[in-house]
Amino acid sequence: MGYKYVNLTPHAIDIITDEKSLSGFNIPPSGKILRLKEKDTILPKNDNVNDDFDIITREYQLEDLDNIAPIIEGIRYLVSSLVLPYVKGRNDMFSPDTGSGAVRNMDGKIIGTKRLIKP
């Protein structure tokens, strides 16, 4: 059974199936974006090593997963690498491999990926 891929990032994702010819396929953005909500907190001064500056911590929370990406048989979702750790347990979520799986042009810019990463 083939799968339909739904891109929940704001960018098109190019899957390169033949690196020599750079052929493959493009998965355009779906118009829905699965994002993390960010919350910054300034640590109290007595926790700082140096009282001359503030140390800020950032927490992330997943927003609206069930409404944006309901589990549907035959659908696979593409999310950003930042979101991927927050969807553990979902076998239908993947992220483009922008590390060793990245395909780059002569200037080093990523133009696609050879594989997807599972959570």
N, C-alpha and C. Protein backbone atom coordinates (compact mmCIF):
# COMPACT_ATOMS: atom_id res chain seq x y z
N MET A 1 0.84 -1.18 0.00
CA MET A 1 0.00 0.00 0.00
C MET A 1 0.89 1.24 0.00
N GLY A 2 0.61 2.17 -0.88
CA GLY A 2 1.35 3.42 -0.91
C GLY A 2 0.80 4.39 0.12
N TYR A 3 1.60 5.36 0.46
CA TYR A 3 1.21 6.36 1.44
C TYR A 3 1.10 7.73 0.79
N LYS A 4 0.24 8.55 1.33
CA LYS A 4 0.17 9.95 0.96
C LYS A 4 0.96 10.72 2.02
N TYR A 5 1.84 11.61 1.57
CA TYR A 5 2.65 12.40 2.48
C TYR A 5 2.07 13.80 2.60
N VAL A 6 1.88 14.25 3.83
CA VAL A 6 1.35 15.57 4.12
C VAL A 6 2.46 16.35 4.82
N ASN A 7 2.86 17.44 4.21
CA ASN A 7 3.98 18.25 4.70
C ASN A 7 3.43 19.30 5.67
N LEU A 8 3.78 19.17 6.94
CA LEU A 8 3.33 20.10 7.98
C LEU A 8 4.40 21.12 8.33
N THR A 9 5.28 21.42 7.37
CA THR A 9 6.28 22.48 7.54
C THR A 9 5.92 23.60 6.55
N PRO A 10 6.51 24.78 6.73
CA PRO A 10 6.22 25.88 5.79
C PRO A 10 7.02 25.82 4.50
N HIS A 11 7.86 24.80 4.34
CA HIS A 11 8.76 24.71 3.18
C HIS A 11 8.51 23.44 2.38
N ALA A 12 8.70 23.51 1.09
CA ALA A 12 8.65 22.30 0.26
C ALA A 12 9.80 21.38 0.67
N ILE A 13 9.56 20.08 0.57
CA ILE A 13 10.59 19.09 0.91
C ILE A 13 10.85 18.26 -0.34
N ASP A 14 12.11 18.22 -0.75
CA ASP A 14 12.52 17.45 -1.92
C ASP A 14 13.17 16.15 -1.46
N ILE A 15 12.59 15.03 -1.87
CA ILE A 15 13.15 13.71 -1.59
C ILE A 15 13.93 13.29 -2.82
N ILE A 16 15.23 13.13 -2.66
CA ILE A 16 16.12 12.77 -3.78
C ILE A 16 16.26 11.25 -3.81
N THR A 17 15.81 10.63 -4.89
CA THR A 17 15.89 9.18 -5.01
C THR A 17 17.09 8.73 -5.86
N ASP A 18 17.64 9.65 -6.65
CA ASP A 18 18.84 9.36 -7.45
C ASP A 18 19.77 10.56 -7.34
N GLU A 19 20.81 10.40 -6.56
CA GLU A 19 21.70 11.53 -6.28
C GLU A 19 22.48 12.00 -7.51
N LYS A 20 22.77 11.09 -8.43
CA LYS A 20 23.53 11.49 -9.63
C LYS A 20 22.72 12.42 -10.53
N SER A 21 21.46 12.08 -10.74
CA SER A 21 20.62 12.90 -11.63
C SER A 21 19.80 13.93 -10.85
N LEU A 22 19.86 13.85 -9.51
CA LEU A 22 19.08 14.70 -8.61
C LEU A 22 17.57 14.56 -8.85
N SER A 23 17.18 13.37 -9.31
CA SER A 23 15.76 13.15 -9.51
C SER A 23 15.12 12.66 -8.22
N GLY A 24 13.84 12.83 -8.15
CA GLY A 24 13.08 12.43 -6.97
C GLY A 24 11.71 13.06 -7.05
N PHE A 25 11.21 13.48 -5.91
CA PHE A 25 9.89 14.10 -5.91
C PHE A 25 9.83 15.18 -4.84
N ASN A 26 8.87 16.08 -5.04
CA ASN A 26 8.70 17.24 -4.18
C ASN A 26 7.39 17.11 -3.41
N ILE A 27 7.46 17.40 -2.11
CA ILE A 27 6.26 17.40 -1.28
C ILE A 27 6.02 18.84 -0.84
N PRO A 28 5.03 19.50 -1.45
CA PRO A 28 4.78 20.91 -1.13
C PRO A 28 4.17 21.06 0.26
N PRO A 29 4.27 22.26 0.85
CA PRO A 29 3.62 22.49 2.14
C PRO A 29 2.10 22.29 2.00
N SER A 30 1.50 21.74 3.03
CA SER A 30 0.05 21.48 3.00
C SER A 30 -0.77 22.71 3.35
N GLY A 31 -0.12 23.71 3.91
CA GLY A 31 -0.85 24.89 4.39
C GLY A 31 -1.11 24.82 5.88
N LYS A 32 -0.95 23.63 6.46
CA LYS A 32 -1.03 23.46 7.91
C LYS A 32 0.38 23.29 8.43
N ILE A 33 0.67 23.90 9.57
CA ILE A 33 2.02 23.82 10.14
C ILE A 33 1.91 23.32 11.58
N LEU A 34 2.62 22.23 11.87
CA LEU A 34 2.68 21.74 13.24
C LEU A 34 3.86 22.43 13.92
N ARG A 35 3.56 23.23 14.91
CA ARG A 35 4.57 24.06 15.57
C ARG A 35 4.69 23.73 17.05
N LEU A 36 5.79 24.19 17.60
CA LEU A 36 5.97 24.13 19.04
C LEU A 36 5.71 25.51 19.62
N LYS A 37 5.02 25.56 20.73
CA LYS A 37 4.80 26.80 21.45
C LYS A 37 6.03 27.03 22.31
N GLU A 38 6.55 28.25 22.30
CA GLU A 38 7.76 28.57 23.06
C GLU A 38 7.40 29.40 24.28
N LYS A 39 8.06 29.08 25.39
CA LYS A 39 7.88 29.86 26.61
C LYS A 39 9.26 30.15 27.19
N ASP A 40 9.61 31.42 27.27
CA ASP A 40 10.89 31.83 27.85
C ASP A 40 10.70 32.22 29.31
N THR A 41 11.66 31.84 30.12
CA THR A 41 11.65 32.16 31.54
C THR A 41 13.03 32.69 31.92
N ILE A 42 13.05 33.76 32.69
CA ILE A 42 14.31 34.29 33.20
C ILE A 42 14.57 33.64 34.55
N LEU A 43 15.75 33.04 34.69
CA LEU A 43 16.10 32.41 35.96
C LEU A 43 16.25 33.49 37.03
N PRO A 44 15.84 33.18 38.27
CA PRO A 44 16.02 34.16 39.35
C PRO A 44 17.50 34.53 39.51
N LYS A 45 17.76 35.76 39.93
CA LYS A 45 19.14 36.24 40.07
C LYS A 45 19.98 35.34 40.95
N ASN A 46 19.40 34.78 42.03
CA ASN A 46 20.21 33.96 42.93
C ASN A 46 20.64 32.64 42.30
N ASP A 47 20.06 32.28 41.15
CA ASP A 47 20.49 31.07 40.43
C ASP A 47 21.58 31.38 39.41
N ASN A 48 21.80 32.65 39.13
CA ASN A 48 22.78 33.02 38.11
C ASN A 48 24.20 32.92 38.65
N VAL A 49 25.09 32.59 37.77
CA VAL A 49 26.51 32.56 38.12
C VAL A 49 27.02 33.99 38.26
N ASN A 50 26.54 34.88 37.42
CA ASN A 50 26.98 36.27 37.41
C ASN A 50 25.73 37.14 37.43
N ASP A 51 25.60 38.00 38.41
CA ASP A 51 24.40 38.83 38.55
C ASP A 51 24.34 39.98 37.55
N ASP A 52 25.32 40.11 36.67
CA ASP A 52 25.33 41.21 35.70
C ASP A 52 24.44 40.94 34.49
N PHE A 53 23.94 39.75 34.34
CA PHE A 53 23.10 39.44 33.18
C PHE A 53 22.06 38.39 33.57
N ASP A 54 21.00 38.32 32.78
CA ASP A 54 19.96 37.32 33.00
C ASP A 54 20.23 36.09 32.16
N ILE A 55 19.89 34.93 32.69
CA ILE A 55 19.95 33.69 31.93
C ILE A 55 18.52 33.31 31.61
N ILE A 56 18.25 33.11 30.34
CA ILE A 56 16.91 32.78 29.89
C ILE A 56 16.86 31.31 29.51
N THR A 57 15.82 30.63 29.95
CA THR A 57 15.59 29.25 29.54
C THR A 57 14.38 29.22 28.63
N ARG A 58 14.34 28.27 27.74
CA ARG A 58 13.21 28.14 26.82
C ARG A 58 12.62 26.73 26.95
N GLU A 59 11.31 26.68 27.06
CA GLU A 59 10.57 25.42 27.07
C GLU A 59 9.72 25.36 25.80
N TYR A 60 9.52 24.15 25.31
CA TYR A 60 8.68 23.95 24.13
C TYR A 60 7.51 23.04 24.48
N GLN A 61 6.37 23.31 23.90
CA GLN A 61 5.20 22.45 24.02
C GLN A 61 4.59 22.29 22.64
N LEU A 62 4.13 21.10 22.35
CA LEU A 62 3.49 20.83 21.07
C LEU A 62 2.11 21.44 21.06
N GLU A 63 1.76 22.10 19.96
CA GLU A 63 0.45 22.74 19.83
C GLU A 63 -0.47 21.93 18.94
N ASP A 64 -1.64 21.62 19.41
CA ASP A 64 -2.76 21.19 18.59
C ASP A 64 -2.48 19.97 17.69
N LEU A 65 -1.75 18.98 18.20
CA LEU A 65 -1.37 17.82 17.39
C LEU A 65 -2.58 17.09 16.81
N ASP A 66 -3.56 16.80 17.64
CA ASP A 66 -4.69 15.99 17.19
C ASP A 66 -5.55 16.69 16.14
N ASN A 67 -5.65 18.00 16.21
CA ASN A 67 -6.43 18.73 15.21
C ASN A 67 -5.67 18.91 13.90
N ILE A 68 -4.36 19.13 14.00
CA ILE A 68 -3.56 19.38 12.79
C ILE A 68 -3.17 18.08 12.10
N ALA A 69 -2.88 17.04 12.88
CA ALA A 69 -2.40 15.79 12.31
C ALA A 69 -3.08 14.58 12.94
N PRO A 70 -4.36 14.39 12.65
CA PRO A 70 -5.04 13.21 13.21
C PRO A 70 -4.47 11.93 12.59
N ILE A 71 -4.51 10.86 13.34
CA ILE A 71 -4.02 9.58 12.80
C ILE A 71 -5.04 9.09 11.77
N ILE A 72 -4.57 8.94 10.53
CA ILE A 72 -5.41 8.48 9.42
C ILE A 72 -4.62 7.40 8.68
N GLU A 73 -5.21 6.25 8.50
CA GLU A 73 -4.53 5.17 7.80
C GLU A 73 -4.14 5.61 6.39
N GLY A 74 -2.90 5.35 6.01
CA GLY A 74 -2.41 5.69 4.69
C GLY A 74 -1.79 7.08 4.59
N ILE A 75 -1.83 7.86 5.68
CA ILE A 75 -1.25 9.21 5.67
C ILE A 75 0.04 9.21 6.50
N ARG A 76 1.06 9.80 5.95
CA ARG A 76 2.34 10.01 6.65
C ARG A 76 2.58 11.52 6.68
N TYR A 77 2.97 12.02 7.84
CA TYR A 77 3.19 13.45 8.02
C TYR A 77 4.67 13.76 8.07
N LEU A 78 5.05 14.88 7.45
CA LEU A 78 6.42 15.38 7.52
C LEU A 78 6.41 16.61 8.42
N VAL A 79 7.29 16.60 9.42
CA VAL A 79 7.38 17.69 10.38
C VAL A 79 8.83 18.14 10.46
N SER A 80 9.06 19.28 11.09
CA SER A 80 10.43 19.77 11.25
C SER A 80 11.20 18.91 12.24
N SER A 81 12.52 18.96 12.17
CA SER A 81 13.35 18.19 13.09
C SER A 81 13.18 18.67 14.52
N LEU A 82 12.80 19.92 14.73
CA LEU A 82 12.56 20.44 16.07
C LEU A 82 11.29 19.82 16.67
N VAL A 83 10.28 19.58 15.85
CA VAL A 83 9.01 19.01 16.31
C VAL A 83 9.13 17.50 16.55
N LEU A 84 9.95 16.81 15.78
CA LEU A 84 9.99 15.35 15.77
C LEU A 84 10.12 14.71 17.16
N PRO A 85 10.98 15.18 18.05
CA PRO A 85 11.07 14.52 19.37
C PRO A 85 9.78 14.62 20.19
N TYR A 86 8.91 15.55 19.86
CA TYR A 86 7.68 15.75 20.60
C TYR A 86 6.53 14.87 20.11
N VAL A 87 6.78 14.08 19.08
CA VAL A 87 5.74 13.20 18.55
C VAL A 87 6.14 11.72 18.68
N LYS A 88 6.97 11.42 19.68
CA LYS A 88 7.35 10.03 19.92
C LYS A 88 6.10 9.19 20.12
N GLY A 89 6.13 7.99 19.58
CA GLY A 89 4.97 7.12 19.68
C GLY A 89 4.06 7.20 18.46
N ARG A 90 4.28 8.19 17.62
CA ARG A 90 3.50 8.33 16.38
C ARG A 90 4.32 7.72 15.25
N ASN A 91 3.84 6.62 14.71
CA ASN A 91 4.54 5.94 13.61
C ASN A 91 4.27 6.58 12.26
N ASP A 92 3.45 7.63 12.24
CA ASP A 92 3.10 8.30 10.99
C ASP A 92 3.80 9.64 10.82
N MET A 93 4.77 9.93 11.68
CA MET A 93 5.48 11.22 11.64
C MET A 93 6.95 11.00 11.26
N PHE A 94 7.43 11.86 10.37
CA PHE A 94 8.81 11.78 9.91
C PHE A 94 9.35 13.19 9.73
N SER A 95 10.66 13.29 9.73
CA SER A 95 11.33 14.57 9.49
C SER A 95 12.39 14.35 8.41
N PRO A 96 12.63 15.33 7.55
CA PRO A 96 13.69 15.17 6.56
C PRO A 96 15.05 15.10 7.26
N ASP A 97 15.90 14.21 6.78
CA ASP A 97 17.26 14.10 7.32
C ASP A 97 18.11 15.20 6.71
N THR A 98 18.38 16.23 7.48
CA THR A 98 19.20 17.35 7.00
C THR A 98 20.64 17.24 7.50
N GLY A 99 20.99 16.07 8.04
CA GLY A 99 22.36 15.80 8.46
C GLY A 99 23.07 15.02 7.37
N SER A 100 23.42 13.78 7.68
CA SER A 100 24.16 12.97 6.70
C SER A 100 23.30 12.58 5.50
N GLY A 101 21.97 12.71 5.61
CA GLY A 101 21.09 12.39 4.48
C GLY A 101 20.85 13.55 3.54
N ALA A 102 21.38 14.72 3.88
CA ALA A 102 21.15 15.91 3.05
C ALA A 102 21.89 15.82 1.73
N VAL A 103 21.26 16.33 0.69
CA VAL A 103 21.90 16.49 -0.62
C VAL A 103 22.13 17.98 -0.79
N ARG A 104 23.38 18.35 -1.08
CA ARG A 104 23.75 19.77 -1.14
C ARG A 104 24.22 20.15 -2.54
N ASN A 105 24.03 21.44 -2.88
CA ASN A 105 24.54 21.95 -4.15
C ASN A 105 26.01 22.32 -3.98
N MET A 106 26.60 22.89 -5.01
CA MET A 106 28.03 23.23 -4.99
C MET A 106 28.37 24.28 -3.93
N ASP A 107 27.39 25.07 -3.51
CA ASP A 107 27.60 26.09 -2.48
C ASP A 107 27.35 25.56 -1.08
N GLY A 108 27.00 24.29 -0.96
CA GLY A 108 26.75 23.69 0.35
C GLY A 108 25.32 23.84 0.84
N LYS A 109 24.47 24.46 0.04
CA LYS A 109 23.06 24.65 0.42
C LYS A 109 22.30 23.34 0.25
N ILE A 110 21.47 23.01 1.23
CA ILE A 110 20.67 21.79 1.14
C ILE A 110 19.60 21.97 0.06
N ILE A 111 19.57 21.01 -0.87
CA ILE A 111 18.57 21.06 -1.95
C ILE A 111 17.58 19.88 -1.85
N GLY A 112 17.82 18.99 -0.90
CA GLY A 112 16.93 17.85 -0.73
C GLY A 112 17.50 16.89 0.29
N THR A 113 16.80 15.79 0.46
CA THR A 113 17.25 14.75 1.39
C THR A 113 17.09 13.38 0.75
N LYS A 114 17.95 12.45 1.16
CA LYS A 114 17.88 11.08 0.65
C LYS A 114 16.99 10.20 1.52
N ARG A 115 16.69 10.68 2.74
CA ARG A 115 15.91 9.83 3.64
C ARG A 115 15.16 10.67 4.67
N LEU A 116 14.25 9.98 5.33
CA LEU A 116 13.46 10.59 6.40
C LEU A 116 13.86 9.97 7.74
N ILE A 117 13.65 10.72 8.80
CA ILE A 117 13.98 10.26 10.15
C ILE A 117 12.67 9.97 10.89
N LYS A 118 12.66 8.85 11.63
CA LYS A 118 11.50 8.49 12.44
C LYS A 118 11.71 9.03 13.85
N PRO A 119 10.60 9.28 14.58
CA PRO A 119 10.77 9.78 15.97
C PRO A 119 11.32 8.71 16.89
